[in-house]
Protein backbone atom coordinates (compact mmCIF):
# COMPACT_ATOMS: atom_id res chain seq x y z
CA MET A 1 -16.90 18.30 18.11
CA LYS A 2 -17.10 19.10 14.55
CA GLY A 3 -19.09 22.15 15.46
CA ILE A 4 -16.75 23.37 18.02
CA LEU A 5 -13.96 23.26 15.31
CA ILE A 6 -16.00 25.36 12.97
CA SER A 7 -16.84 27.81 15.43
CA LEU A 8 -13.37 28.04 16.44
CA GLN A 9 -12.15 29.00 12.91
CA ALA A 10 -14.71 31.32 12.57
CA GLU A 11 -14.09 33.05 15.86
CA ALA A 12 -10.20 33.15 15.40
CA LEU A 13 -10.90 34.78 11.66
CA LYS A 14 -13.06 37.66 13.84
CA ILE A 15 -10.36 38.31 16.71
CA TYR A 16 -7.74 38.56 14.16
CA ARG A 17 -9.47 40.90 11.87
CA SER A 18 -9.83 42.90 14.95
CA ARG A 19 -8.51 46.02 15.76
CA VAL A 20 -8.97 45.06 20.09
CA PHE A 21 -6.83 41.77 19.11
CA TRP A 22 -3.94 44.33 17.69
CA VAL A 23 -4.75 47.01 20.53
CA SER A 24 -4.17 44.45 23.28
CA ILE A 25 -0.94 42.78 22.30
CA ALA A 26 0.08 46.39 21.97
CA PHE A 27 -0.93 47.00 25.88
CA PHE A 28 0.36 43.65 27.00
CA ALA A 29 3.91 44.97 25.22
CA PHE A 30 3.63 48.59 26.90
CA VAL A 31 3.17 47.39 30.44
CA PRO A 32 6.37 45.18 30.89
CA CYS A 33 8.42 48.19 29.03
CA MET A 34 7.12 50.52 32.18
CA MET A 35 8.28 48.15 34.73
CA GLY A 36 11.46 47.60 32.96
CA LEU A 37 12.01 51.73 33.07
CA LEU A 38 11.42 51.88 36.33
CA MET A 39 13.94 48.94 37.27
CA PHE A 40 16.59 50.74 34.95
CA VAL A 41 15.86 53.82 37.15
CA GLN A 42 16.10 51.86 40.34
CA LYS A 43 19.12 50.39 39.38
CA ASN A 44 20.73 53.87 38.15
CA PRO A 45 19.67 55.64 41.06
CA GLU A 46 22.05 58.87 39.56
CA ILE A 47 19.72 59.41 36.63
CA ALA A 48 16.60 59.46 38.86
CA SER A 49 16.24 63.20 39.73
CA ARG A 50 16.74 64.17 35.89
CA LEU A 51 13.49 62.40 35.34
CA GLY A 52 11.46 64.14 37.36
CA MET A 53 8.33 62.06 38.51
CA ILE A 54 9.35 58.75 37.03
CA GLY A 55 12.55 58.94 39.19
CA THR A 56 10.22 59.60 42.38
CA LYS A 57 7.90 56.87 41.60
CA SER A 58 10.89 54.55 41.78
CA THR A 59 12.04 55.37 44.51
CA MET A 60 8.79 55.42 46.51
CA VAL A 61 7.97 51.57 45.10
CA ARG A 62 10.10 49.00 46.70
CA PHE A 63 11.26 46.72 44.40
CA GLY A 64 14.23 45.01 46.70
CA GLU A 65 17.37 44.73 44.70
CA PRO A 66 17.00 45.23 40.76
CA ASN A 67 17.72 41.47 40.26
CA TRP A 68 16.52 38.86 37.86
CA SER A 69 14.81 37.50 40.89
CA ASN A 70 12.91 40.54 41.87
CA TYR A 71 11.81 41.32 38.65
CA LEU A 72 10.57 38.10 37.44
CA ILE A 73 8.27 38.25 41.12
CA LEU A 74 6.89 41.86 40.02
CA ILE A 75 6.43 40.39 36.43
CA SER A 76 4.49 37.50 38.19
CA GLU A 77 2.90 39.78 40.43
CA SER A 78 1.77 42.42 37.56
CA VAL A 79 0.00 39.58 35.26
CA ALA A 80 -2.31 38.33 38.38
CA ALA A 81 -3.70 42.32 38.36
CA ILE A 82 -3.07 43.52 34.22
CA GLY A 83 -4.58 39.67 33.52
CA LEU A 84 -7.65 40.50 35.40
CA ILE A 85 -8.08 43.44 33.45
CA GLY A 86 -6.98 42.70 30.21
CA TYR A 87 -8.40 38.94 29.50
CA GLY A 88 -11.57 40.10 31.56
CA PHE A 89 -11.66 42.67 28.26
CA VAL A 90 -11.21 40.43 25.63
CA THR A 91 -13.65 37.94 27.40
CA ALA A 92 -16.19 40.85 27.80
CA TRP A 93 -15.60 41.87 23.84
CA SER A 94 -15.77 38.37 22.62
CA PHE A 95 -19.31 37.63 24.15
CA GLY A 96 -20.71 41.42 24.29
CA ARG A 97 -19.98 42.33 20.68
CA GLU A 98 -22.52 39.78 19.25
CA TYR A 99 -25.04 41.83 21.10
CA THR A 100 -23.56 45.63 20.55
CA ASP A 101 -23.02 44.54 16.97
CA HIS A 102 -26.33 42.82 16.50
CA THR A 103 -24.63 38.99 15.23
CA ILE A 104 -26.41 37.36 17.77
CA LYS A 105 -29.78 36.05 16.27
CA ASP A 106 -27.64 35.54 13.17
CA ILE A 107 -25.11 33.63 15.02
CA LEU A 108 -27.78 31.42 16.93
CA SER A 109 -29.60 30.77 13.57
CA LEU A 110 -26.63 28.61 12.28
CA PRO A 111 -26.64 25.33 12.23
CA VAL A 112 -24.18 24.81 15.00
CA PRO A 113 -24.97 23.66 18.50
CA ARG A 114 -24.97 26.62 20.71
CA GLY A 115 -22.93 25.29 23.24
CA SER A 116 -20.32 24.54 20.39
CA ILE A 117 -20.78 28.01 19.81
CA VAL A 118 -19.73 28.85 23.34
CA MET A 119 -16.59 26.23 23.84
CA ALA A 120 -15.13 27.66 20.60
CA LYS A 121 -15.85 31.80 22.05
CA PHE A 122 -13.93 29.98 25.19
CA ALA A 123 -11.33 28.22 23.54
CA ALA A 124 -10.37 31.50 21.60
CA ILE A 125 -10.26 33.39 24.44
CA THR A 126 -8.21 31.30 26.11
CA LEU A 127 -5.67 30.88 23.38
CA TRP A 128 -5.78 34.88 23.10
CA SER A 129 -5.21 35.07 26.83
CA ILE A 130 -2.24 32.69 26.37
CA LEU A 131 -0.86 34.70 23.21
CA LEU A 132 -0.95 38.07 25.55
CA SER A 133 0.96 36.13 28.31
CA PHE A 134 3.63 34.94 26.04
CA VAL A 135 3.89 38.55 24.94
CA PHE A 136 3.95 40.09 28.17
CA LEU A 137 6.42 37.53 29.37
CA LEU A 138 8.71 37.96 25.86
CA VAL A 139 8.60 41.59 26.39
CA ALA A 140 9.88 41.71 29.97
CA LEU A 141 12.30 39.03 29.67
CA LEU A 142 13.83 41.42 26.36
CA ILE A 143 13.94 44.27 28.72
CA GLY A 144 15.36 42.21 31.55
CA LYS A 145 18.32 41.62 29.20
CA VAL A 146 18.39 45.50 27.99
CA ILE A 147 18.74 46.64 30.96
CA GLN A 148 21.09 44.15 32.06
CA LEU A 149 19.74 42.96 35.98
CA THR A 150 22.15 40.94 37.97
CA GLY A 151 21.26 37.34 39.34
CA TRP A 152 20.33 35.44 36.26
CA SER A 153 20.58 31.74 36.80
CA ASP A 154 18.45 28.64 35.23
CA GLU A 155 17.48 27.95 38.51
CA VAL A 156 15.37 31.51 39.69
CA ILE A 157 14.48 31.63 35.97
CA LEU A 158 12.51 27.97 35.96
CA HIS A 159 11.44 28.77 39.51
CA SER A 160 9.71 32.10 37.78
CA LEU A 161 8.76 31.19 34.24
CA LEU A 162 6.57 28.24 36.48
CA LYS A 163 4.95 30.68 38.74
CA PHE A 164 4.34 33.20 35.86
CA ALA A 165 2.91 30.24 33.84
CA ILE A 166 0.36 29.06 36.72
CA THR A 167 -0.39 32.39 37.83
CA SER A 168 -1.60 33.24 34.33
CA LEU A 169 -3.73 30.28 34.01
CA LEU A 170 -5.22 30.98 37.63
CA THR A 171 -6.18 34.44 35.93
CA ILE A 172 -8.00 32.59 32.64
CA LEU A 173 -9.76 30.51 34.91
CA LEU A 174 -11.66 33.13 36.11
CA LEU A 175 -12.89 34.45 32.44
CA PRO A 176 -16.25 32.54 32.35
CA PRO A 177 -18.46 34.57 34.78
CA VAL A 178 -17.05 38.21 33.04
CA ALA A 179 -18.17 35.85 29.82
CA PHE A 180 -21.84 35.37 31.66
CA PHE A 181 -22.30 38.66 32.45
CA ALA A 182 -21.37 39.99 28.88
CA CYS A 183 -24.67 37.64 28.13
CA TYR A 184 -26.64 39.09 30.99
CA GLY A 185 -25.86 42.13 30.17
CA LYS A 186 -26.08 41.81 26.15
CA GLY A 187 -22.82 44.12 26.07
CA VAL A 188 -19.18 45.28 27.50
CA LEU A 189 -20.14 47.43 30.02
CA LEU A 190 -21.75 45.48 32.67
CA PRO A 191 -19.01 42.88 32.49
CA MET A 192 -15.95 45.63 32.72
CA GLY A 193 -17.73 46.88 35.23
CA PHE A 194 -17.85 43.40 37.48
CA VAL A 195 -14.19 42.80 36.71
CA ILE A 196 -13.41 46.25 37.95
CA LEU A 197 -15.19 45.41 41.34
CA THR A 198 -13.54 41.67 41.58
CA LEU A 199 -10.38 43.84 41.35
CA LEU A 200 -10.90 46.16 43.91
CA MET A 201 -12.45 43.44 45.89
CA ALA A 202 -9.32 41.47 45.84
CA ASN A 203 -7.33 44.31 46.74
CA PHE A 204 -9.86 44.30 49.95
CA THR A 205 -10.44 40.87 51.13
CA GLY A 206 -6.62 40.58 50.92
CA LEU A 207 -5.92 43.57 53.26
CA VAL A 208 -8.70 42.03 55.77
CA GLY A 209 -7.29 38.48 55.40
CA LEU A 210 -10.17 36.85 53.21
CA GLY A 211 -7.91 36.86 50.23
CA PRO A 212 -7.14 32.90 50.08
CA TYR A 213 -10.89 32.58 50.05
CA PHE A 214 -12.12 35.36 47.37
CA PRO A 215 -11.51 33.85 43.96
CA TRP A 216 -10.08 36.89 41.97
CA ALA A 217 -7.83 37.32 44.97
CA ILE A 218 -6.03 33.84 44.32
CA PRO A 219 -3.63 34.45 41.84
CA GLY A 220 -2.42 37.89 43.19
CA ILE A 221 -1.47 35.67 46.41
CA PHE A 222 0.01 33.05 44.32
CA SER A 223 2.18 35.22 42.86
CA THR A 224 3.92 36.43 46.10
CA THR A 225 3.58 32.97 48.16
CA GLY A 226 4.60 30.54 45.65
CA GLY A 227 1.45 27.96 46.44
CA ALA A 228 -0.24 25.99 48.44
CA GLY A 229 2.56 25.56 50.39
CA GLY A 230 3.50 29.47 51.30
CA PRO A 231 1.60 31.18 53.83
CA GLY A 232 -1.11 33.08 51.98
CA LEU A 233 -3.06 29.99 49.79
CA PHE A 234 -4.58 26.80 50.72
CA PRO A 235 -5.96 23.86 49.13
CA VAL A 236 -9.32 24.75 49.49
CA SER A 237 -8.38 28.27 47.67
CA TYR A 238 -8.04 26.53 44.41
CA ILE A 239 -10.97 24.76 44.75
CA ILE A 240 -13.12 27.65 45.05
CA LEU A 241 -11.40 29.46 41.93
CA ILE A 242 -12.22 26.05 40.24
CA THR A 243 -15.59 26.05 41.35
CA THR A 244 -16.44 29.62 40.80
CA GLY A 245 -14.51 29.25 36.87
CA LEU A 246 -17.21 26.30 36.37
CA ALA A 247 -19.75 28.15 37.58
CA GLY A 248 -19.08 30.46 35.06
CA LEU A 249 -18.92 27.98 32.37
CA ALA A 250 -22.29 26.63 33.21
CA SER A 251 -23.69 29.42 33.46
CA THR A 252 -23.06 31.05 30.08
CA LEU A 253 -24.20 27.72 28.64
CA ALA A 254 -27.12 27.88 30.05
CA TRP A 255 -27.58 31.31 29.28
CA TRP A 256 -27.03 30.95 25.62
CA GLN A 257 -29.22 27.97 25.82
CA PHE A 258 -32.32 28.78 27.62
CA ALA A 259 -32.57 33.19 27.73
CA ASP A 260 -34.84 35.38 25.74
CA HIS A 261 -31.76 36.80 23.02
CA LYS A 262 -34.27 39.61 21.58
């Protein structure tokens, strides 16, 4: 446990001092601003013609009524997709940078169990992803207040916040396979290619009705249906997702323990 805490402290310091950390926060703050702008244009159709392409896009995308309920549904759906990319990138960077910066041998020579280093990295990535989710949600709520959306109620907000939190958690649980591919590819390119592939496959499996059985499609389906009681997911869906995450964790631990890191 002591080794994990020491490694976590070192990992947190590396993340905090990196530009990637601040760029990721800026990205997760920027996305809800754009969604709020589209919702604002939809709420005020008289200015759509003045905004050219933005106005045209906002009329093409159907959000439903511009109120808090539909806005927060959109936010939950978006974090499922943005999270796959954003959380996946920070995972790929955290593990892949050790190879691109040629620091992997220095880390492996430290008097700390390799498993502790891996678990510390996953703990840091999880906390980082939770922070990004919080930034995403906080900015979204502020934008909703600024554009004065209607339909605010404690029931709607609590239900939407719970759905957002679970959607983010389900997405975070899928990060270990990305870490494995970062180690296997010894860099960032292979895991990011894997992230893009899973995003494309999530959309495809959703179209053909196989989404509930494809791990990377499950967070997006949950954000639209609201859970196992909805029309899209089944209890086995969550088993598949958790099993995928655990398999990625076990594979990453095994790689650090037994693979050739030359």
